[in-house]
Full PDB file with SEQRES, HELIX, SHEET, SSBOND, CRYST1, ORIGX, SCALE, CONECT and MASTER records, all heavy atoms in Angstrom:
SEQRES   1 A   37  ASN LYS LYS VAL LEU HIS LEU HIS GLY GLU LEU ASN LYS          
SEQRES   2 A   37  VAL CYS SER SER CYS ASP GLN ASP TYR ILE ILE SER LEU          
SEQRES   3 A   37  SER GLU ASP GLN PRO TYR ILE GLN LEU GLY ASP                  
SHEET    1 AA1 2 LYS A  13  CYS A  15  0                                        
SHEET    2 AA1 2 ILE A  23  SER A  25 -1                                        
CRYST1    1.000    1.000    1.000  90.00  90.00  90.00 P 1           1          
ORIGX1      1.000000  0.000000  0.000000        0.00000                         
ORIGX2      0.000000  1.000000  0.000000        0.00000                         
ORIGX3      0.000000  0.000000  1.000000        0.00000                         
SCALE1      1.000000  0.000000  0.000000        0.00000                         
SCALE2      0.000000  1.000000  0.000000        0.00000                         
SCALE3      0.000000  0.000000  1.000000        0.00000                         
ATOM      1  N   ASN A   1      22.973   3.365  13.599  1.00  0.00           N  
ATOM      2  CA  ASN A   1      23.752   2.603  12.736  1.00  0.00           C  
ATOM      3  C   ASN A   1      22.961   2.181  11.546  1.00  0.00           C  
ATOM      4  O   ASN A   1      21.861   1.591  11.685  1.00  0.00           O  
ATOM      5  CB  ASN A   1      24.337   1.386  13.346  1.00  0.00           C  
ATOM      6  CG  ASN A   1      25.671   1.739  14.214  1.00  0.00           C  
ATOM      7  OD1 ASN A   1      25.565   1.752  15.424  1.00  0.00           O  
ATOM      8  ND2 ASN A   1      26.798   1.995  13.564  1.00  0.00           N  
ATOM      9  N   LYS A   2      23.477   2.429  10.349  1.00  0.00           N  
ATOM     10  CA  LYS A   2      22.707   2.188   9.171  1.00  0.00           C  
ATOM     11  C   LYS A   2      23.000   0.824   8.487  1.00  0.00           C  
ATOM     12  O   LYS A   2      22.151   0.265   7.800  1.00  0.00           O  
ATOM     13  CB  LYS A   2      23.101   3.279   8.107  1.00  0.00           C  
ATOM     14  CG  LYS A   2      22.598   4.697   8.539  1.00  0.00           C  
ATOM     15  CD  LYS A   2      23.002   5.668   7.478  1.00  0.00           C  
ATOM     16  CE  LYS A   2      22.449   7.067   7.823  1.00  0.00           C  
ATOM     17  NZ  LYS A   2      22.984   7.603   9.121  1.00  0.00           N  
ATOM     18  N   LYS A   3      24.119   0.267   8.764  1.00  0.00           N  
ATOM     19  CA  LYS A   3      24.473  -1.105   8.311  1.00  0.00           C  
ATOM     20  C   LYS A   3      24.743  -2.030   9.397  1.00  0.00           C  
ATOM     21  O   LYS A   3      25.803  -1.994  10.024  1.00  0.00           O  
ATOM     22  CB  LYS A   3      25.731  -0.940   7.339  1.00  0.00           C  
ATOM     23  CG  LYS A   3      25.571  -0.012   6.195  1.00  0.00           C  
ATOM     24  CD  LYS A   3      26.861   0.087   5.435  1.00  0.00           C  
ATOM     25  CE  LYS A   3      26.771   0.900   4.185  1.00  0.00           C  
ATOM     26  NZ  LYS A   3      28.007   1.065   3.395  1.00  0.00           N  
ATOM     27  N   VAL A   4      23.757  -2.939   9.628  1.00  0.00           N  
ATOM     28  CA  VAL A   4      23.806  -3.856  10.751  1.00  0.00           C  
ATOM     29  C   VAL A   4      23.537  -5.201  10.201  1.00  0.00           C  
ATOM     30  O   VAL A   4      22.330  -5.501   9.694  1.00  0.00           O  
ATOM     31  CB  VAL A   4      22.902  -3.408  11.860  1.00  0.00           C  
ATOM     32  CG1 VAL A   4      22.969  -4.466  13.031  1.00  0.00           C  
ATOM     33  CG2 VAL A   4      23.114  -2.068  12.409  1.00  0.00           C  
ATOM     34  N   LEU A   5      24.360  -6.188  10.406  1.00  0.00           N  
ATOM     35  CA  LEU A   5      24.139  -7.585  10.013  1.00  0.00           C  
ATOM     36  C   LEU A   5      23.979  -8.378  11.274  1.00  0.00           C  
ATOM     37  O   LEU A   5      24.892  -8.521  12.083  1.00  0.00           O  
ATOM     38  CB  LEU A   5      25.254  -8.095   9.223  1.00  0.00           C  
ATOM     39  CG  LEU A   5      25.207  -9.604   8.783  1.00  0.00           C  
ATOM     40  CD1 LEU A   5      24.036  -9.727   7.774  1.00  0.00           C  
ATOM     41  CD2 LEU A   5      26.555  -9.990   8.223  1.00  0.00           C  
ATOM     42  N   HIS A   6      22.728  -8.964  11.506  1.00  0.00           N  
ATOM     43  CA  HIS A   6      22.457  -9.806  12.625  1.00  0.00           C  
ATOM     44  C   HIS A   6      22.803 -11.303  12.348  1.00  0.00           C  
ATOM     45  O   HIS A   6      22.169 -11.881  11.551  1.00  0.00           O  
ATOM     46  CB  HIS A   6      21.043  -9.684  13.072  1.00  0.00           C  
ATOM     47  CG  HIS A   6      20.578  -8.425  13.633  1.00  0.00           C  
ATOM     48  ND1 HIS A   6      20.679  -8.084  14.964  1.00  0.00           N  
ATOM     49  CD2 HIS A   6      20.279  -7.183  13.013  1.00  0.00           C  
ATOM     50  CE1 HIS A   6      20.251  -6.858  15.243  1.00  0.00           C  
ATOM     51  NE2 HIS A   6      20.033  -6.292  14.071  1.00  0.00           N  
ATOM     52  N   LEU A   7      23.793 -11.764  13.074  1.00  0.00           N  
ATOM     53  CA  LEU A   7      24.175 -13.214  12.835  1.00  0.00           C  
ATOM     54  C   LEU A   7      23.181 -14.166  13.516  1.00  0.00           C  
ATOM     55  O   LEU A   7      22.988 -15.224  12.945  1.00  0.00           O  
ATOM     56  CB  LEU A   7      25.520 -13.363  13.473  1.00  0.00           C  
ATOM     57  CG  LEU A   7      26.811 -12.898  12.683  1.00  0.00           C  
ATOM     58  CD1 LEU A   7      28.080 -13.359  13.479  1.00  0.00           C  
ATOM     59  CD2 LEU A   7      26.846 -13.492  11.291  1.00  0.00           C  
ATOM     60  N   HIS A   8      22.652 -13.861  14.579  1.00  0.00           N  
ATOM     61  CA  HIS A   8      21.832 -14.737  15.302  1.00  0.00           C  
ATOM     62  C   HIS A   8      20.355 -14.443  15.248  1.00  0.00           C  
ATOM     63  O   HIS A   8      19.537 -14.940  16.077  1.00  0.00           O  
ATOM     64  CB  HIS A   8      22.278 -14.807  16.764  1.00  0.00           C  
ATOM     65  CG  HIS A   8      23.747 -15.370  16.875  1.00  0.00           C  
ATOM     66  ND1 HIS A   8      24.459 -15.135  17.919  1.00  0.00           N  
ATOM     67  CD2 HIS A   8      24.423 -16.091  15.995  1.00  0.00           C  
ATOM     68  CE1 HIS A   8      25.649 -15.696  17.773  1.00  0.00           C  
ATOM     69  NE2 HIS A   8      25.649 -16.297  16.574  1.00  0.00           N  
ATOM     70  N   GLY A   9      19.857 -13.628  14.322  1.00  0.00           N  
ATOM     71  CA  GLY A   9      18.454 -13.321  14.159  1.00  0.00           C  
ATOM     72  C   GLY A   9      18.061 -12.011  14.831  1.00  0.00           C  
ATOM     73  O   GLY A   9      18.927 -11.243  15.308  1.00  0.00           O  
ATOM     74  N   GLU A  10      16.764 -11.697  14.850  1.00  0.00           N  
ATOM     75  CA  GLU A  10      16.302 -10.435  15.404  1.00  0.00           C  
ATOM     76  C   GLU A  10      15.101 -10.697  16.311  1.00  0.00           C  
ATOM     77  O   GLU A  10      14.179 -11.377  15.867  1.00  0.00           O  
ATOM     78  CB  GLU A  10      15.923  -9.471  14.251  1.00  0.00           C  
ATOM     79  CG  GLU A  10      17.140  -9.168  13.402  1.00  0.00           C  
ATOM     80  CD  GLU A  10      16.837  -8.123  12.320  1.00  0.00           C  
ATOM     81  OE1 GLU A  10      16.380  -7.065  12.675  1.00  0.00           O  
ATOM     82  OE2 GLU A  10      17.038  -8.476  11.083  1.00  0.00           O  
ATOM     83  N   LEU A  11      15.157 -10.154  17.485  1.00  0.00           N  
ATOM     84  CA  LEU A  11      14.092 -10.400  18.434  1.00  0.00           C  
ATOM     85  C   LEU A  11      12.752  -9.873  17.996  1.00  0.00           C  
ATOM     86  O   LEU A  11      11.754 -10.455  18.290  1.00  0.00           O  
ATOM     87  CB  LEU A  11      14.507  -9.714  19.739  1.00  0.00           C  
ATOM     88  CG  LEU A  11      13.598  -9.940  20.997  1.00  0.00           C  
ATOM     89  CD1 LEU A  11      13.541 -11.444  21.324  1.00  0.00           C  
ATOM     90  CD2 LEU A  11      14.191  -9.214  22.251  1.00  0.00           C  
ATOM     91  N   ASN A  12      12.737  -8.802  17.286  1.00  0.00           N  
ATOM     92  CA  ASN A  12      11.428  -8.189  16.772  1.00  0.00           C  
ATOM     93  C   ASN A  12      10.912  -8.665  15.504  1.00  0.00           C  
ATOM     94  O   ASN A  12      10.103  -8.080  14.869  1.00  0.00           O  
ATOM     95  CB  ASN A  12      11.637  -6.615  16.690  1.00  0.00           C  
ATOM     96  CG  ASN A  12      11.720  -6.025  18.103  1.00  0.00           C  
ATOM     97  OD1 ASN A  12      11.021  -6.476  19.046  1.00  0.00           O  
ATOM     98  ND2 ASN A  12      12.478  -4.882  18.218  1.00  0.00           N  
ATOM     99  N   LYS A  13      11.456  -9.931  15.097  1.00  0.00           N  
ATOM    100  CA  LYS A  13      10.890 -10.567  13.944  1.00  0.00           C  
ATOM    101  C   LYS A  13      10.529 -12.008  14.255  1.00  0.00           C  
ATOM    102  O   LYS A  13      11.133 -12.543  15.239  1.00  0.00           O  
ATOM    103  CB  LYS A  13      11.896 -10.496  12.771  1.00  0.00           C  
ATOM    104  CG  LYS A  13      12.241  -9.187  12.289  1.00  0.00           C  
ATOM    105  CD  LYS A  13      13.232  -9.251  11.133  1.00  0.00           C  
ATOM    106  CE  LYS A  13      13.521  -7.760  10.575  1.00  0.00           C  
ATOM    107  NZ  LYS A  13      14.530  -7.867   9.455  1.00  0.00           N  
ATOM    108  N   VAL A  14       9.604 -12.518  13.467  1.00  0.00           N  
ATOM    109  CA  VAL A  14       9.270 -13.899  13.611  1.00  0.00           C  
ATOM    110  C   VAL A  14       9.375 -14.570  12.241  1.00  0.00           C  
ATOM    111  O   VAL A  14       9.301 -13.860  11.205  1.00  0.00           O  
ATOM    112  CB  VAL A  14       7.892 -14.121  14.256  1.00  0.00           C  
ATOM    113  CG1 VAL A  14       7.901 -13.650  15.654  1.00  0.00           C  
ATOM    114  CG2 VAL A  14       6.730 -13.418  13.408  1.00  0.00           C  
ATOM    115  N   CYS A  15       9.391 -15.866  12.149  1.00  0.00           N  
ATOM    116  CA  CYS A  15       9.496 -16.530  10.845  1.00  0.00           C  
ATOM    117  C   CYS A  15       8.594 -17.784  11.005  1.00  0.00           C  
ATOM    118  O   CYS A  15       8.118 -18.188  12.077  1.00  0.00           O  
ATOM    119  CB  CYS A  15      10.897 -16.843  10.416  1.00  0.00           C  
ATOM    120  SG  CYS A  15      11.752 -18.128  11.601  1.00  0.00           S  
ATOM    121  N   SER A  16       8.493 -18.418   9.843  1.00  0.00           N  
ATOM    122  CA  SER A  16       7.604 -19.720   9.849  1.00  0.00           C  
ATOM    123  C   SER A  16       8.496 -20.911  10.404  1.00  0.00           C  
ATOM    124  O   SER A  16       9.698 -20.845   9.993  1.00  0.00           O  
ATOM    125  CB  SER A  16       7.142 -19.940   8.437  1.00  0.00           C  
ATOM    126  OG  SER A  16       6.655 -21.288   8.297  1.00  0.00           O  
ATOM    127  N   SER A  17       7.921 -21.714  11.155  1.00  0.00           N  
ATOM    128  CA  SER A  17       8.710 -22.913  11.538  1.00  0.00           C  
ATOM    129  C   SER A  17       8.964 -23.900  10.443  1.00  0.00           C  
ATOM    130  O   SER A  17       9.807 -24.774  10.611  1.00  0.00           O  
ATOM    131  CB  SER A  17       7.985 -23.510  12.669  1.00  0.00           C  
ATOM    132  OG  SER A  17       6.610 -23.932  12.304  1.00  0.00           O  
ATOM    133  N   CYS A  18       8.381 -23.727   9.327  1.00  0.00           N  
ATOM    134  CA  CYS A  18       8.627 -24.633   8.167  1.00  0.00           C  
ATOM    135  C   CYS A  18       9.371 -23.945   7.018  1.00  0.00           C  
ATOM    136  O   CYS A  18       9.794 -24.527   6.044  1.00  0.00           O  
ATOM    137  CB  CYS A  18       7.366 -25.283   7.725  1.00  0.00           C  
ATOM    138  SG  CYS A  18       6.256 -24.242   6.829  1.00  0.00           S  
ATOM    139  N   ASP A  19       9.430 -22.539   7.075  1.00  0.00           N  
ATOM    140  CA  ASP A  19       9.964 -21.818   5.878  1.00  0.00           C  
ATOM    141  C   ASP A  19      10.559 -20.523   6.548  1.00  0.00           C  
ATOM    142  O   ASP A  19       9.902 -19.469   6.696  1.00  0.00           O  
ATOM    143  CB  ASP A  19       8.867 -21.505   4.898  1.00  0.00           C  
ATOM    144  CG  ASP A  19       9.389 -20.634   3.734  1.00  0.00           C  
ATOM    145  OD1 ASP A  19      10.653 -20.519   3.651  1.00  0.00           O  
ATOM    146  OD2 ASP A  19       8.629 -20.217   2.948  1.00  0.00           O  
ATOM    147  N   GLN A  20      11.887 -20.508   6.817  1.00  0.00           N  
ATOM    148  CA  GLN A  20      12.464 -19.381   7.449  1.00  0.00           C  
ATOM    149  C   GLN A  20      12.720 -18.284   6.503  1.00  0.00           C  
ATOM    150  O   GLN A  20      13.317 -17.205   6.901  1.00  0.00           O  
ATOM    151  CB  GLN A  20      13.791 -19.802   8.210  1.00  0.00           C  
ATOM    152  CG  GLN A  20      13.558 -20.649   9.360  1.00  0.00           C  
ATOM    153  CD  GLN A  20      14.695 -20.771  10.343  1.00  0.00           C  
ATOM    154  OE1 GLN A  20      15.544 -19.885  10.434  1.00  0.00           O  
ATOM    155  NE2 GLN A  20      14.702 -21.783  11.136  1.00  0.00           N  
ATOM    156  N   ASP A  21      12.360 -18.432   5.237  1.00  0.00           N  
ATOM    157  CA  ASP A  21      12.373 -17.305   4.292  1.00  0.00           C  
ATOM    158  C   ASP A  21      11.115 -16.423   4.499  1.00  0.00           C  
ATOM    159  O   ASP A  21      11.053 -15.317   3.995  1.00  0.00           O  
ATOM    160  CB  ASP A  21      12.521 -17.719   2.825  1.00  0.00           C  
ATOM    161  CG  ASP A  21      13.799 -18.367   2.519  1.00  0.00           C  
ATOM    162  OD1 ASP A  21      14.808 -17.847   3.134  1.00  0.00           O  
ATOM    163  OD2 ASP A  21      13.922 -19.174   1.622  1.00  0.00           O  
ATOM    164  N   TYR A  22      10.121 -16.949   5.169  1.00  0.00           N  
ATOM    165  CA  TYR A  22       8.957 -16.133   5.486  1.00  0.00           C  
ATOM    166  C   TYR A  22       9.154 -15.479   6.811  1.00  0.00           C  
ATOM    167  O   TYR A  22       9.134 -16.083   7.847  1.00  0.00           O  
ATOM    168  CB  TYR A  22       7.757 -17.079   5.571  1.00  0.00           C  
ATOM    169  CG  TYR A  22       6.452 -16.318   5.951  1.00  0.00           C  
ATOM    170  CD1 TYR A  22       5.765 -15.652   5.080  1.00  0.00           C  
ATOM    171  CD2 TYR A  22       5.940 -16.290   7.283  1.00  0.00           C  
ATOM    172  CE1 TYR A  22       4.590 -14.901   5.248  1.00  0.00           C  
ATOM    173  CE2 TYR A  22       4.794 -15.630   7.586  1.00  0.00           C  
ATOM    174  CZ  TYR A  22       4.170 -14.875   6.553  1.00  0.00           C  
ATOM    175  OH  TYR A  22       2.997 -14.103   6.869  1.00  0.00           O  
ATOM    176  N   ILE A  23       9.456 -14.193   6.762  1.00  0.00           N  
ATOM    177  CA  ILE A  23       9.836 -13.377   7.958  1.00  0.00           C  
ATOM    178  C   ILE A  23       8.932 -12.203   8.001  1.00  0.00           C  
ATOM    179  O   ILE A  23       8.617 -11.533   6.979  1.00  0.00           O  
ATOM    180  CB  ILE A  23      11.262 -12.972   7.873  1.00  0.00           C  
ATOM    181  CG1 ILE A  23      12.220 -14.252   7.630  1.00  0.00           C  
ATOM    182  CG2 ILE A  23      11.646 -12.108   9.013  1.00  0.00           C  
ATOM    183  CD1 ILE A  23      13.616 -13.776   7.281  1.00  0.00           C  
ATOM    184  N   ILE A  24       8.435 -11.874   9.243  1.00  0.00           N  
ATOM    185  CA  ILE A  24       7.653 -10.692   9.357  1.00  0.00           C  
ATOM    186  C   ILE A  24       8.153 -10.001  10.583  1.00  0.00           C  
ATOM    187  O   ILE A  24       8.645 -10.546  11.556  1.00  0.00           O  
ATOM    188  CB  ILE A  24       6.055 -10.967   9.474  1.00  0.00           C  
ATOM    189  CG1 ILE A  24       5.786 -11.952  10.662  1.00  0.00           C  
ATOM    190  CG2 ILE A  24       5.534 -11.578   8.170  1.00  0.00           C  
ATOM    191  CD1 ILE A  24       4.356 -12.176  10.895  1.00  0.00           C  
ATOM    192  N   SER A  25       8.003  -8.667  10.622  1.00  0.00           N  
ATOM    193  CA  SER A  25       8.356  -7.852  11.738  1.00  0.00           C  
ATOM    194  C   SER A  25       7.210  -7.642  12.710  1.00  0.00           C  
ATOM    195  O   SER A  25       6.026  -7.407  12.210  1.00  0.00           O  
ATOM    196  CB  SER A  25       8.924  -6.492  11.270  1.00  0.00           C  
ATOM    197  OG  SER A  25      10.080  -6.604  10.483  1.00  0.00           O  
ATOM    198  N   LEU A  26       7.461  -7.713  13.948  1.00  0.00           N  
ATOM    199  CA  LEU A  26       6.462  -7.403  15.005  1.00  0.00           C  
ATOM    200  C   LEU A  26       6.437  -5.927  15.307  1.00  0.00           C  
ATOM    201  O   LEU A  26       7.481  -5.218  15.338  1.00  0.00           O  
ATOM    202  CB  LEU A  26       6.642  -8.226  16.196  1.00  0.00           C  
ATOM    203  CG  LEU A  26       6.706  -9.707  16.094  1.00  0.00           C  
ATOM    204  CD1 LEU A  26       7.148 -10.266  17.481  1.00  0.00           C  
ATOM    205  CD2 LEU A  26       5.351 -10.191  15.658  1.00  0.00           C  
ATOM    206  N   SER A  27       5.275  -5.434  15.510  1.00  0.00           N  
ATOM    207  CA  SER A  27       5.155  -3.935  15.822  1.00  0.00           C  
ATOM    208  C   SER A  27       5.056  -3.805  17.355  1.00  0.00           C  
ATOM    209  O   SER A  27       4.773  -4.749  18.053  1.00  0.00           O  
ATOM    210  CB  SER A  27       3.903  -3.379  15.190  1.00  0.00           C  
ATOM    211  OG  SER A  27       2.658  -3.905  15.766  1.00  0.00           O  
ATOM    212  N   GLU A  28       5.239  -2.564  17.771  1.00  0.00           N  
ATOM    213  CA  GLU A  28       5.070  -2.311  19.209  1.00  0.00           C  
ATOM    214  C   GLU A  28       3.663  -2.493  19.658  1.00  0.00           C  
ATOM    215  O   GLU A  28       3.388  -2.850  20.876  1.00  0.00           O  
ATOM    216  CB  GLU A  28       5.593  -0.902  19.516  1.00  0.00           C  
ATOM    217  CG  GLU A  28       7.075  -0.643  19.415  1.00  0.00           C  
ATOM    218  CD  GLU A  28       7.579   0.464  20.113  1.00  0.00           C  
ATOM    219  OE1 GLU A  28       6.752   1.205  20.760  1.00  0.00           O  
ATOM    220  OE2 GLU A  28       8.824   0.752  20.062  1.00  0.00           O  
ATOM    221  N   ASP A  29       2.709  -2.331  18.726  1.00  0.00           N  
ATOM    222  CA  ASP A  29       1.337  -2.565  19.115  1.00  0.00           C  
ATOM    223  C   ASP A  29       0.985  -4.082  19.159  1.00  0.00           C  
ATOM    224  O   ASP A  29       0.008  -4.461  19.803  1.00  0.00           O  
ATOM    225  CB  ASP A  29       0.392  -1.880  18.102  1.00  0.00           C  
ATOM    226  CG  ASP A  29       0.497  -0.396  18.117  1.00  0.00           C  
ATOM    227  OD1 ASP A  29       0.827   0.126  19.183  1.00  0.00           O  
ATOM    228  OD2 ASP A  29       0.366   0.278  17.091  1.00  0.00           O  
ATOM    229  N   GLN A  30       1.807  -4.872  18.428  1.00  0.00           N  
ATOM    230  CA  GLN A  30       1.578  -6.336  18.459  1.00  0.00           C  
ATOM    231  C   GLN A  30       2.950  -7.014  18.623  1.00  0.00           C  
ATOM    232  O   GLN A  30       3.462  -7.583  17.749  1.00  0.00           O  
ATOM    233  CB  GLN A  30       0.846  -6.773  17.223  1.00  0.00           C  
ATOM    234  CG  GLN A  30       0.451  -8.257  17.218  1.00  0.00           C  
ATOM    235  CD  GLN A  30      -0.236  -8.619  15.924  1.00  0.00           C  
ATOM    236  OE1 GLN A  30      -0.272  -7.863  14.971  1.00  0.00           O  
ATOM    237  NE2 GLN A  30      -0.761  -9.871  15.921  1.00  0.00           N  
ATOM    238  N   PRO A  31       3.505  -6.994  19.876  1.00  0.00           N  
ATOM    239  CA  PRO A  31       4.780  -7.534  20.081  1.00  0.00           C  
ATOM    240  C   PRO A  31       4.830  -9.101  20.314  1.00  0.00           C  
ATOM    241  O   PRO A  31       5.944  -9.527  20.598  1.00  0.00           O  
ATOM    242  CB  PRO A  31       5.294  -6.790  21.297  1.00  0.00           C  
ATOM    243  CG  PRO A  31       4.049  -6.450  22.097  1.00  0.00           C  
ATOM    244  CD  PRO A  31       2.970  -6.350  21.101  1.00  0.00           C  
ATOM    245  N   TYR A  32       3.692  -9.691  20.279  1.00  0.00           N  
ATOM    246  CA  TYR A  32       3.693 -11.094  20.793  1.00  0.00           C  
ATOM    247  C   TYR A  32       3.145 -12.011  19.607  1.00  0.00           C  
ATOM    248  O   TYR A  32       2.502 -11.586  18.666  1.00  0.00           O  
ATOM    249  CB  TYR A  32       2.710 -11.311  21.905  1.00  0.00           C  
ATOM    250  CG  TYR A  32       2.942 -10.398  23.079  1.00  0.00           C  
ATOM    251  CD1 TYR A  32       2.051  -9.292  23.460  1.00  0.00           C  
ATOM    252  CD2 TYR A  32       4.154 -10.458  23.804  1.00  0.00           C  
ATOM    253  CE1 TYR A  32       2.317  -8.533  24.508  1.00  0.00           C  
ATOM    254  CE2 TYR A  32       4.367  -9.561  24.867  1.00  0.00           C  
ATOM    255  CZ  TYR A  32       3.449  -8.641  25.193  1.00  0.00           C  
ATOM    256  OH  TYR A  32       3.677  -7.780  26.228  1.00  0.00           O  
ATOM    257  N   ILE A  33       3.564 -13.249  19.724  1.00  0.00           N  
ATOM    258  CA  ILE A  33       2.980 -14.317  18.873  1.00  0.00           C  
ATOM    259  C   ILE A  33       2.597 -15.396  19.867  1.00  0.00           C  
ATOM    260  O   ILE A  33       3.133 -15.612  20.872  1.00  0.00           O  
ATOM    261  CB  ILE A  33       3.861 -14.893  17.765  1.00  0.00           C  
ATOM    262  CG1 ILE A  33       5.190 -15.364  18.380  1.00  0.00           C  
ATOM    263  CG2 ILE A  33       4.102 -13.940  16.701  1.00  0.00           C  
ATOM    264  CD1 ILE A  33       6.080 -15.943  17.337  1.00  0.00           C  
ATOM    265  N   GLN A  34       1.473 -16.118  19.459  1.00  0.00           N  
ATOM    266  CA  GLN A  34       0.927 -17.179  20.372  1.00  0.00           C  
ATOM    267  C   GLN A  34       0.869 -18.495  19.531  1.00  0.00           C  
ATOM    268  O   GLN A  34       0.999 -18.496  18.329  1.00  0.00           O  
ATOM    269  CB  GLN A  34      -0.402 -16.736  20.847  1.00  0.00           C  
ATOM    270  CG  GLN A  34      -0.341 -15.446  21.644  1.00  0.00           C  
ATOM    271  CD  GLN A  34      -1.698 -14.977  22.020  1.00  0.00           C  
ATOM    272  OE1 GLN A  34      -2.799 -15.433  21.491  1.00  0.00           O  
ATOM    273  NE2 GLN A  34      -1.831 -13.968  22.986  1.00  0.00           N  
ATOM    274  N   LEU A  35       0.607 -19.495  20.282  1.00  0.00           N  
ATOM    275  CA  LEU A  35       0.330 -20.767  19.578  1.00  0.00           C  
ATOM    276  C   LEU A  35      -0.987 -20.597  18.789  1.00  0.00           C  
ATOM    277  O   LEU A  35      -2.021 -19.997  19.225  1.00  0.00           O  
ATOM    278  CB  LEU A  35       0.085 -21.880  20.626  1.00  0.00           C  
ATOM    279  CG  LEU A  35       1.385 -22.513  21.227  1.00  0.00           C  
ATOM    280  CD1 LEU A  35       0.943 -23.553  22.239  1.00  0.00           C  
ATOM    281  CD2 LEU A  35       2.362 -23.054  20.147  1.00  0.00           C  
ATOM    282  N   GLY A  36      -0.943 -21.066  17.485  1.00  0.00           N  
ATOM    283  CA  GLY A  36      -1.986 -20.828  16.558  1.00  0.00           C  
ATOM    284  C   GLY A  36      -1.810 -19.701  15.607  1.00  0.00           C  
ATOM    285  O   GLY A  36      -2.597 -19.595  14.675  1.00  0.00           O  
ATOM    286  N   ASP A  37      -0.744 -18.866  15.848  1.00  0.00           N  
ATOM    287  CA  ASP A  37      -0.373 -17.818  14.833  1.00  0.00           C  
ATOM    288  C   ASP A  37       0.440 -18.557  13.747  1.00  0.00           C  
ATOM    289  O   ASP A  37       1.497 -19.060  14.021  1.00  0.00           O  
ATOM    290  CB  ASP A  37       0.413 -16.788  15.462  1.00  0.00           C  
ATOM    291  CG  ASP A  37      -0.479 -15.928  16.493  1.00  0.00           C  
ATOM    292  OD1 ASP A  37      -1.643 -15.969  16.320  1.00  0.00           O  
ATOM    293  OD2 ASP A  37       0.130 -15.255  17.296  1.00  0.00           O  
TER     294      ASP A  37                                                      
MASTER        0    0    0    0    2    0    0    6  293    1    0    3          
END                                                                             
């Protein structure tokens, strides 16, 4: 599917806890985030 709008976010992305406009995609090589990231 080429046109997908996610209402509740995306599991393979993370954002800043103070700025949700800062969004990055996680790769299969680095699927985790930890405290301190």
